[in-house]
Every structure is written in C-alpha cells, then in structure tokens.
C-alpha cells in the first residue's frame, strides 16, 4: 500500500514539474484568475465522480460501524447479568434459551459455551473460545471494507493522474503551439484527482485501524466477562459450592 501511494505521488510530482517548466517557457504575461474548489472539481471528470461515490460509500460504512460496533451492541451488559443470574440458579436451559434469542456477539458466544456445557466446564470453555473466534472474525471481516475503500482511493487517484496526462498530451499533439492555459485542464485533472485519492486513503485507512483496534478491545473484554461468568457458575469448584449450599 505504501509503495502504491509513493508511486502516485511521484508520478503527480513529475507531471507537475514538467507542466511548470512548460509554463516557465511562455514569456507572455497573462492575468491569473484563482479557481474555486468547484472549478477544480469540475476538471476531474468521471474519475472525480467515482472518487466522490467511493468516499460516500466509505462514510456510510463508517457511520454504520460506529453505531453498531460498540460495547453495548457487542457486549450487551444486560444479557450478561441476566445469564449470570440464571446460571447461579443452575438454570442452564433458561440461560441457553435467553442467549440464543440474542443476536449480539455476547449472546452467540454464551450460547456456544452453554450448548457444550453437557461435556463439563472445560468443554464449555472450548465452545466459548471457538465461537468467539468465529464471531470476532465476522465482525473484523465487515470492518475490512473500510480498508478496501482506503486502498481503492489512491488507485482511482492514480487513474485520474494518467487520464489527465493523456488529456494534456492530446492537447500538445493537436495544437502546434499550446499555451499553459491549454495544458492547465489536464494538469488540474491529474493533481486534483491525486489529492482526492490520497485524502480518501488517509481518512479511511485511519478509520479502519481505529475501528479494528476498538473491536478487538471490546471483544477481549466481553470474552473475559463471559469467562468469569462460566468460571463462577460452571467450574468444578462452583458446582461443589452450589451442591454444599443445597
């Protein structure tokens, strides 16, 4: 990924340098008009539209993940406390039914653990670990779409750089004595597309690593909480205490 980004920047800088040298050779003094951001965007063509669509998709995904991938949605503290209470009363069926009816990460992991508790505490722990590995992978796989958006951005930017260069060379080929103004549209197309692509990459790759670390931290804490619940209620020591209490 870093190599591709460096290639994009290198090509854009080389093309900008060539265009600057061409401008410097023109001895005419012309009045310069600054362009607005909208003027610059209009030079990007179809690639610019694709970059905007890509950024909109990435933004929608990021908002969705920020809403759904938090400790309340993944861990469901209410479910954990209810399951703990049922297991303390040795109501395995009730705890299993409650966990199965909950579609959160915690619910699926608890159901995976209790579903194998017939084989004993160690088997329940194994069921918890296997289910946690599967469910955490599913969440991480969804989050990886942010990485996909972040990687597509600079590639589209590079595509815009190439199309801008082609546009400028077509002008050079068509006109006998092209002026800087004739070449400016192609230069703008190259550089603005490159800038947009790099911006998308920076934003969404950063968001991906932030969300990935956040999800890993939440899943780890939820797994620890579930492990404590199982140990407190299903371990041989806990079973002995419950038997003695009866």
C-alpha atoms as a PDB file:
ATOM      1  CA  UNK A   1       0.000   0.000   0.000  1.00  0.00           C
ATOM      2  CA  UNK A   2       2.804   2.450   0.908  1.00  0.00           C
ATOM      3  CA  UNK A   3       4.565   1.679  -2.367  1.00  0.00           C
ATOM      4  CA  UNK A   4       1.430   2.447  -4.392  1.00  0.00           C
ATOM      5  CA  UNK A   5       0.948   5.744  -2.576  1.00  0.00           C
ATOM      6  CA  UNK A   6       4.561   6.732  -3.247  1.00  0.00           C
ATOM      7  CA  UNK A   7       4.115   5.862  -6.924  1.00  0.00           C
ATOM      8  CA  UNK A   8       1.034   8.071  -7.127  1.00  0.00           C
ATOM      9  CA  UNK A   9       2.847  10.991  -5.502  1.00  0.00           C
ATOM     10  CA  UNK A  10       5.961  10.533  -7.670  1.00  0.00           C
ATOM     11  CA  UNK A  11       4.013  10.471 -10.926  1.00  0.00           C
ATOM     12  CA  UNK A  12       1.958  13.507  -9.918  1.00  0.00           C
ATOM     13  CA  UNK A  13       5.049  15.495  -8.882  1.00  0.00           C
ATOM     14  CA  UNK A  14       6.876  14.590 -12.107  1.00  0.00           C
ATOM     15  CA  UNK A  15       3.943  15.653 -14.228  1.00  0.00           C
ATOM     16  CA  UNK A  16       3.518  18.875 -12.243  1.00  0.00           C
ATOM     17  CA  UNK A  17       7.233  19.634 -12.702  1.00  0.00           C
ATOM     18  CA  UNK A  18       7.002  19.136 -16.458  1.00  0.00           C
ATOM     19  CA  UNK A  19       3.950  21.366 -16.626  1.00  0.00           C
ATOM     20  CA  UNK A  20       5.687  24.047 -14.541  1.00  0.00           C
ATOM     21  CA  UNK A  21       8.684  24.028 -16.894  1.00  0.00           C
ATOM     22  CA  UNK A  22       6.349  24.453 -19.838  1.00  0.00           C
ATOM     23  CA  UNK A  23       4.677  27.394 -18.145  1.00  0.00           C
ATOM     24  CA  UNK A  24       8.026  28.999 -17.429  1.00  0.00           C
ATOM     25  CA  UNK A  25       8.974  28.900 -21.113  1.00  0.00           C
ATOM     26  CA  UNK A  26       5.973  31.028 -22.017  1.00  0.00           C
ATOM     27  CA  UNK A  27       7.117  34.630 -21.940  1.00  0.00           C
ATOM     28  CA  UNK A  28       3.686  36.189 -22.197  1.00  0.00           C
ATOM     29  CA  UNK A  29       2.287  37.955 -19.158  1.00  0.00           C
ATOM     30  CA  UNK A  30      -1.305  36.929 -18.534  1.00  0.00           C
ATOM     31  CA  UNK A  31      -3.775  37.793 -15.846  1.00  0.00           C
ATOM     32  CA  UNK A  32      -4.222  34.978 -13.329  1.00  0.00           C
ATOM     33  CA  UNK A  33      -7.685  34.120 -12.010  1.00  0.00           C
ATOM     34  CA  UNK A  34      -7.890  31.919  -8.916  1.00  0.00           C
ATOM     35  CA  UNK A  35     -10.159  28.896  -9.203  1.00  0.00           C
ATOM     36  CA  UNK A  36     -12.764  27.859  -6.666  1.00  0.00           C
ATOM     37  CA  UNK A  37     -12.924  24.336  -5.257  1.00  0.00           C
ATOM     38  CA  UNK A  38     -15.897  23.660  -7.506  1.00  0.00           C
ATOM     39  CA  UNK A  39     -13.912  24.801 -10.550  1.00  0.00           C
ATOM     40  CA  UNK A  40     -11.127  22.430  -9.579  1.00  0.00           C
ATOM     41  CA  UNK A  41     -13.529  19.542  -9.041  1.00  0.00           C
ATOM     42  CA  UNK A  42     -15.105  20.050 -12.467  1.00  0.00           C
ATOM     43  CA  UNK A  43     -11.731  19.293 -14.040  1.00  0.00           C
ATOM     44  CA  UNK A  44     -11.598  15.798 -12.505  1.00  0.00           C
ATOM     45  CA  UNK A  45     -14.058  14.218 -14.938  1.00  0.00           C
ATOM     46  CA  UNK A  46     -15.541  10.765 -14.447  1.00  0.00           C
ATOM     47  CA  UNK A  47     -12.726   9.726 -12.102  1.00  0.00           C
ATOM     48  CA  UNK A  48     -13.642  12.552  -9.730  1.00  0.00           C
ATOM     49  CA  UNK A  49     -17.235  11.309  -9.656  1.00  0.00           C
ATOM     50  CA  UNK A  50     -16.008   7.792  -8.857  1.00  0.00           C
ATOM     51  CA  UNK A  51     -13.883   9.206  -6.028  1.00  0.00           C
ATOM     52  CA  UNK A  52     -16.886  11.033  -4.570  1.00  0.00           C
ATOM     53  CA  UNK A  53     -19.001   7.859  -4.761  1.00  0.00           C
ATOM     54  CA  UNK A  54     -16.204   5.905  -3.079  1.00  0.00           C
ATOM     55  CA  UNK A  55     -15.957   8.445  -0.261  1.00  0.00           C
ATOM     56  CA  UNK A  56     -19.749   8.382   0.221  1.00  0.00           C
ATOM     57  CA  UNK A  57     -19.728   4.581   0.484  1.00  0.00           C
ATOM     58  CA  UNK A  58     -16.850   4.734   2.965  1.00  0.00           C
ATOM     59  CA  UNK A  59     -18.623   7.380   5.044  1.00  0.00           C
ATOM     60  CA  UNK A  60     -21.837   5.327   5.151  1.00  0.00           C
ATOM     61  CA  UNK A  61     -19.894   2.237   6.242  1.00  0.00           C
ATOM     62  CA  UNK A  62     -18.003   4.174   8.910  1.00  0.00           C
ATOM     63  CA  UNK A  63     -21.213   5.610  10.386  1.00  0.00           C
ATOM     64  CA  UNK A  64     -22.829   2.157  10.378  1.00  0.00           C
ATOM     65  CA  UNK A  65     -19.843   0.574  12.114  1.00  0.00           C
ATOM     66  CA  UNK A  66     -19.584   3.332  14.720  1.00  0.00           C
ATOM     67  CA  UNK A  67     -23.268   2.835  15.575  1.00  0.00           C
ATOM     68  CA  UNK A  68     -23.232  -0.982  15.647  1.00  0.00           C
ATOM     69  CA  UNK A  69     -19.739  -1.845  16.849  1.00  0.00           C
ATOM     70  CA  UNK A  70     -19.759  -0.526  20.396  1.00  0.00           C
ATOM     71  CA  UNK A  71     -19.667  -2.190  23.799  1.00  0.00           C
ATOM     72  CA  UNK A  72     -23.444  -2.074  24.307  1.00  0.00           C
ATOM     73  CA  UNK A  73     -24.230  -3.694  20.942  1.00  0.00           C
ATOM     74  CA  UNK A  74     -21.377  -6.225  21.025  1.00  0.00           C
ATOM     75  CA  UNK A  75     -21.219  -6.986  24.743  1.00  0.00           C
ATOM     76  CA  UNK A  76     -24.838  -6.426  25.836  1.00  0.00           C
ATOM     77  CA  UNK A  77     -24.188  -5.957  29.595  1.00  0.00           C
ATOM     78  CA  UNK A  78     -27.867  -6.595  30.389  1.00  0.00           C
ATOM     79  CA  UNK A  79     -27.678 -10.045  28.812  1.00  0.00           C
ATOM     80  CA  UNK A  80     -24.501 -10.877  30.728  1.00  0.00           C
ATOM     81  CA  UNK A  81     -26.079 -10.026  34.085  1.00  0.00           C
ATOM     82  CA  UNK A  82     -29.264 -11.992  33.286  1.00  0.00           C
ATOM     83  CA  UNK A  83     -27.309 -15.060  32.166  1.00  0.00           C
ATOM     84  CA  UNK A  84     -25.142 -14.833  35.282  1.00  0.00           C
ATOM     85  CA  UNK A  85     -28.265 -14.810  37.465  1.00  0.00           C
ATOM     86  CA  UNK A  86     -29.786 -17.816  35.668  1.00  0.00           C
ATOM     87  CA  UNK A  87     -26.576 -19.829  35.855  1.00  0.00           C
ATOM     88  CA  UNK A  88     -26.234 -19.055  39.560  1.00  0.00           C
ATOM     89  CA  UNK A  89     -29.617 -20.770  39.963  1.00  0.00           C
ATOM     90  CA  UNK A  90     -28.329 -23.679  37.834  1.00  0.00           C
ATOM     91  CA  UNK A  91     -30.913 -22.889  35.146  1.00  0.00           C
ATOM     92  CA  UNK A  92     -28.834 -23.918  32.119  1.00  0.00           C
ATOM     93  CA  UNK A  93     -31.838 -24.281  29.825  1.00  0.00           C
ATOM     94  CA  UNK A  94     -33.114 -20.808  30.646  1.00  0.00           C
ATOM     95  CA  UNK A  95     -29.676 -19.250  30.160  1.00  0.00           C
ATOM     96  CA  UNK A  96     -29.195 -21.081  26.856  1.00  0.00           C
ATOM     97  CA  UNK A  97     -32.627 -20.023  25.550  1.00  0.00           C
ATOM     98  CA  UNK A  98     -32.007 -16.414  26.555  1.00  0.00           C
ATOM     99  CA  UNK A  99     -28.568 -16.334  24.910  1.00  0.00           C
ATOM    100  CA  UNK A 100     -29.847 -17.992  21.739  1.00  0.00           C
ATOM    101  CA  UNK A 101     -32.581 -15.390  21.361  1.00  0.00           C
ATOM    102  CA  UNK A 102     -29.999 -12.583  21.458  1.00  0.00           C
ATOM    103  CA  UNK A 103     -28.161 -11.874  18.193  1.00  0.00           C
ATOM    104  CA  UNK A 104     -25.324  -9.891  19.745  1.00  0.00           C
ATOM    105  CA  UNK A 105     -21.734 -11.112  19.848  1.00  0.00           C
ATOM    106  CA  UNK A 106     -22.074 -11.867  23.562  1.00  0.00           C
ATOM    107  CA  UNK A 107     -25.291 -13.826  23.027  1.00  0.00           C
ATOM    108  CA  UNK A 108     -23.745 -16.057  20.366  1.00  0.00           C
ATOM    109  CA  UNK A 109     -20.613 -16.710  22.423  1.00  0.00           C
ATOM    110  CA  UNK A 110     -22.623 -17.572  25.552  1.00  0.00           C
ATOM    111  CA  UNK A 111     -24.901 -19.873  23.541  1.00  0.00           C
ATOM    112  CA  UNK A 112     -21.842 -21.599  22.092  1.00  0.00           C
ATOM    113  CA  UNK A 113     -20.453 -22.148  25.576  1.00  0.00           C
ATOM    114  CA  UNK A 114     -23.626 -23.340  27.310  1.00  0.00           C
ATOM    115  CA  UNK A 115     -24.531 -25.531  24.333  1.00  0.00           C
ATOM    116  CA  UNK A 116     -21.457 -27.629  25.061  1.00  0.00           C
ATOM    117  CA  UNK A 117     -21.617 -27.452  28.852  1.00  0.00           C
ATOM    118  CA  UNK A 118     -23.023 -31.001  28.983  1.00  0.00           C
ATOM    119  CA  UNK A 119     -19.443 -32.154  28.486  1.00  0.00           C
ATOM    120  CA  UNK A 120     -18.300 -30.217  31.527  1.00  0.00           C
ATOM    121  CA  UNK A 121     -16.673 -26.892  32.315  1.00  0.00           C
ATOM    122  CA  UNK A 122     -13.643 -27.390  30.063  1.00  0.00           C
ATOM    123  CA  UNK A 123     -15.876 -28.265  27.127  1.00  0.00           C
ATOM    124  CA  UNK A 124     -17.935 -25.121  27.780  1.00  0.00           C
ATOM    125  CA  UNK A 125     -14.735 -23.028  27.776  1.00  0.00           C
ATOM    126  CA  UNK A 126     -13.700 -24.619  24.498  1.00  0.00           C
ATOM    127  CA  UNK A 127     -17.105 -23.870  22.990  1.00  0.00           C
ATOM    128  CA  UNK A 128     -16.797 -20.256  24.126  1.00  0.00           C
ATOM    129  CA  UNK A 129     -13.329 -19.866  22.577  1.00  0.00           C
ATOM    130  CA  UNK A 130     -14.323 -21.430  19.256  1.00  0.00           C
ATOM    131  CA  UNK A 131     -17.496 -19.354  18.945  1.00  0.00           C
ATOM    132  CA  UNK A 132     -15.652 -16.175  19.946  1.00  0.00           C
ATOM    133  CA  UNK A 133     -13.031 -16.782  17.245  1.00  0.00           C
ATOM    134  CA  UNK A 134     -15.708 -17.233  14.570  1.00  0.00           C
ATOM    135  CA  UNK A 135     -17.842 -14.255  15.617  1.00  0.00           C
ATOM    136  CA  UNK A 136     -14.897 -11.868  16.057  1.00  0.00           C
ATOM    137  CA  UNK A 137     -13.690 -12.846  12.572  1.00  0.00           C
ATOM    138  CA  UNK A 138     -17.120 -11.996  11.131  1.00  0.00           C
ATOM    139  CA  UNK A 139     -17.040  -8.544  12.718  1.00  0.00           C
ATOM    140  CA  UNK A 140     -13.457  -7.919  11.567  1.00  0.00           C
ATOM    141  CA  UNK A 141     -14.372  -9.021   8.040  1.00  0.00           C
ATOM    142  CA  UNK A 142     -17.128  -6.411   7.909  1.00  0.00           C
ATOM    143  CA  UNK A 143     -14.777  -3.740   9.203  1.00  0.00           C
ATOM    144  CA  UNK A 144     -12.216  -4.594   6.499  1.00  0.00           C
ATOM    145  CA  UNK A 145     -14.420  -2.878   3.902  1.00  0.00           C
ATOM    146  CA  UNK A 146     -13.073   0.404   5.273  1.00  0.00           C
ATOM    147  CA  UNK A 147      -9.603  -0.819   4.336  1.00  0.00           C
ATOM    148  CA  UNK A 148     -10.881  -1.658   0.854  1.00  0.00           C
ATOM    149  CA  UNK A 149     -12.204   1.886   0.426  1.00  0.00           C
ATOM    150  CA  UNK A 150      -8.907   3.299   1.697  1.00  0.00           C
ATOM    151  CA  UNK A 151      -6.958   1.237  -0.829  1.00  0.00           C
ATOM    152  CA  UNK A 152      -9.227   1.994  -3.784  1.00  0.00           C
ATOM    153  CA  UNK A 153      -8.916   5.771  -3.224  1.00  0.00           C
ATOM    154  CA  UNK A 154      -5.260   6.246  -4.287  1.00  0.00           C
ATOM    155  CA  UNK A 155      -5.686   3.788  -7.155  1.00  0.00           C
ATOM    156  CA  UNK A 156      -8.530   5.893  -8.537  1.00  0.00           C
ATOM    157  CA  UNK A 157      -6.355   8.953  -7.912  1.00  0.00           C
ATOM    158  CA  UNK A 158      -3.594   7.352  -9.989  1.00  0.00           C
ATOM    159  CA  UNK A 159      -6.130   6.619 -12.712  1.00  0.00           C
ATOM    160  CA  UNK A 160      -7.082  10.309 -12.687  1.00  0.00           C
ATOM    161  CA  UNK A 161      -3.398  11.247 -12.912  1.00  0.00           C
ATOM    162  CA  UNK A 162      -2.978   9.104 -16.024  1.00  0.00           C
ATOM    163  CA  UNK A 163      -6.156  10.396 -17.689  1.00  0.00           C
ATOM    164  CA  UNK A 164      -5.039  13.976 -17.005  1.00  0.00           C
ATOM    165  CA  UNK A 165      -1.651  13.302 -18.570  1.00  0.00           C
ATOM    166  CA  UNK A 166      -3.315  11.739 -21.607  1.00  0.00           C
ATOM    167  CA  UNK A 167      -5.552  14.797 -21.927  1.00  0.00           C
ATOM    168  CA  UNK A 168      -2.575  17.169 -21.819  1.00  0.00           C
ATOM    169  CA  UNK A 169      -0.575  15.157 -24.352  1.00  0.00           C
ATOM    170  CA  UNK A 170      -3.568  15.154 -26.679  1.00  0.00           C
ATOM    171  CA  UNK A 171      -3.586  18.962 -26.481  1.00  0.00           C
ATOM    172  CA  UNK A 172       0.145  19.076 -27.235  1.00  0.00           C
ATOM    173  CA  UNK A 173      -0.355  16.779 -30.208  1.00  0.00           C
ATOM    174  CA  UNK A 174      -3.339  18.695 -31.566  1.00  0.00           C
ATOM    175  CA  UNK A 175      -2.073  22.276 -31.201  1.00  0.00           C
ATOM    176  CA  UNK A 176       1.106  23.472 -32.877  1.00  0.00           C
ATOM    177  CA  UNK A 177       1.974  25.881 -30.073  1.00  0.00           C
ATOM    178  CA  UNK A 178      -0.042  25.028 -26.951  1.00  0.00           C
ATOM    179  CA  UNK A 179      -0.106  27.625 -24.199  1.00  0.00           C
ATOM    180  CA  UNK A 180      -0.049  26.921 -20.469  1.00  0.00           C
ATOM    181  CA  UNK A 181      -3.763  27.602 -20.417  1.00  0.00           C
ATOM    182  CA  UNK A 182      -4.317  24.851 -22.972  1.00  0.00           C
ATOM    183  CA  UNK A 183      -2.487  22.349 -20.765  1.00  0.00           C
ATOM    184  CA  UNK A 184      -3.932  23.551 -17.458  1.00  0.00           C
ATOM    185  CA  UNK A 185      -7.086  21.407 -17.552  1.00  0.00           C
ATOM    186  CA  UNK A 186      -5.099  18.188 -17.864  1.00  0.00           C
ATOM    187  CA  UNK A 187      -2.715  19.266 -15.107  1.00  0.00           C
ATOM    188  CA  UNK A 188      -5.600  20.117 -12.803  1.00  0.00           C
ATOM    189  CA  UNK A 189      -7.285  16.807 -13.600  1.00  0.00           C
ATOM    190  CA  UNK A 190      -4.131  14.929 -12.637  1.00  0.00           C
ATOM    191  CA  UNK A 191      -3.331  16.773  -9.427  1.00  0.00           C
ATOM    192  CA  UNK A 192      -6.866  17.187  -8.067  1.00  0.00           C
ATOM    193  CA  UNK A 193      -7.668  13.505  -8.622  1.00  0.00           C
ATOM    194  CA  UNK A 194      -4.408  12.537  -6.929  1.00  0.00           C
ATOM    195  CA  UNK A 195      -5.195  14.796  -3.965  1.00  0.00           C
ATOM    196  CA  UNK A 196      -8.704  13.395  -3.590  1.00  0.00           C
ATOM    197  CA  UNK A 197      -7.437   9.814  -3.773  1.00  0.00           C
ATOM    198  CA  UNK A 198      -4.788  10.389  -1.120  1.00  0.00           C
ATOM    199  CA  UNK A 199      -7.302  12.184   1.119  1.00  0.00           C
ATOM    200  CA  UNK A 200      -9.687   9.216   0.915  1.00  0.00           C
ATOM    201  CA  UNK A 201      -6.841   6.834   1.706  1.00  0.00           C
ATOM    202  CA  UNK A 202      -5.702   8.798   4.762  1.00  0.00           C
ATOM    203  CA  UNK A 203      -9.211   9.126   6.197  1.00  0.00           C
ATOM    204  CA  UNK A 204     -10.491   5.589   5.724  1.00  0.00           C
ATOM    205  CA  UNK A 205      -7.305   3.658   6.443  1.00  0.00           C
ATOM    206  CA  UNK A 206      -7.015   5.612   9.693  1.00  0.00           C
ATOM    207  CA  UNK A 207     -10.677   4.853  10.454  1.00  0.00           C
ATOM    208  CA  UNK A 208     -10.124   1.169   9.665  1.00  0.00           C
ATOM    209  CA  UNK A 209      -7.252   0.759  12.113  1.00  0.00           C
ATOM    210  CA  UNK A 210      -9.147   2.730  14.768  1.00  0.00           C
ATOM    211  CA  UNK A 211     -12.249   0.542  14.406  1.00  0.00           C
ATOM    212  CA  UNK A 212     -10.195  -2.661  14.215  1.00  0.00           C
ATOM    213  CA  UNK A 213      -8.422  -1.900  17.490  1.00  0.00           C
ATOM    214  CA  UNK A 214     -11.667  -0.797  19.135  1.00  0.00           C
ATOM    215  CA  UNK A 215     -13.441  -4.021  18.131  1.00  0.00           C
ATOM    216  CA  UNK A 216     -10.532  -6.182  19.313  1.00  0.00           C
ATOM    217  CA  UNK A 217     -10.536  -4.413  22.683  1.00  0.00           C
ATOM    218  CA  UNK A 218     -14.308  -4.774  23.153  1.00  0.00           C
ATOM    219  CA  UNK A 219     -14.325  -8.449  22.145  1.00  0.00           C
ATOM    220  CA  UNK A 220     -11.442  -9.182  24.511  1.00  0.00           C
ATOM    221  CA  UNK A 221     -13.228  -7.573  27.460  1.00  0.00           C
ATOM    222  CA  UNK A 222     -16.504  -9.333  26.629  1.00  0.00           C
ATOM    223  CA  UNK A 223     -14.697 -12.680  26.387  1.00  0.00           C
ATOM    224  CA  UNK A 224     -13.131 -12.083  29.797  1.00  0.00           C
ATOM    225  CA  UNK A 225     -16.526 -11.254  31.296  1.00  0.00           C
ATOM    226  CA  UNK A 226     -18.112 -14.393  29.829  1.00  0.00           C
ATOM    227  CA  UNK A 227     -15.170 -16.475  31.031  1.00  0.00           C
ATOM    228  CA  UNK A 228     -15.655 -15.145  34.555  1.00  0.00           C
ATOM    229  CA  UNK A 229     -19.370 -15.981  34.431  1.00  0.00           C
ATOM    230  CA  UNK A 230     -18.634 -19.543  33.318  1.00  0.00           C
ATOM    231  CA  UNK A 231     -15.937 -19.969  35.949  1.00  0.00           C
ATOM    232  CA  UNK A 232     -18.178 -18.573  38.672  1.00  0.00           C
ATOM    233  CA  UNK A 233     -21.078 -20.889  37.847  1.00  0.00           C
ATOM    234  CA  UNK A 234     -19.895 -23.939  35.886  1.00  0.00           C
ATOM    235  CA  UNK A 235     -16.410 -24.709  37.183  1.00  0.00           C
ATOM    236  CA  UNK A 236     -15.993 -27.802  39.422  1.00  0.00           C
ATOM    237  CA  UNK A 237     -15.347 -25.546  42.413  1.00  0.00           C
ATOM    238  CA  UNK A 238     -18.542 -23.595  41.746  1.00  0.00           C
ATOM    239  CA  UNK A 239     -20.531 -26.812  41.360  1.00  0.00           C
ATOM    240  CA  UNK A 240     -19.221 -28.069  44.710  1.00  0.00           C
ATOM    241  CA  UNK A 241     -20.191 -24.818  46.408  1.00  0.00           C
ATOM    242  CA  UNK A 242     -23.668 -24.963  44.891  1.00  0.00           C
ATOM    243  CA  UNK A 243     -24.010 -28.609  45.981  1.00  0.00           C
ATOM    244  CA  UNK A 244     -22.924 -27.721  49.510  1.00  0.00           C
ATOM    245  CA  UNK A 245     -25.381 -24.840  49.641  1.00  0.00           C
ATOM    246  CA  UNK A 246     -28.193 -27.225  48.832  1.00  0.00           C
END
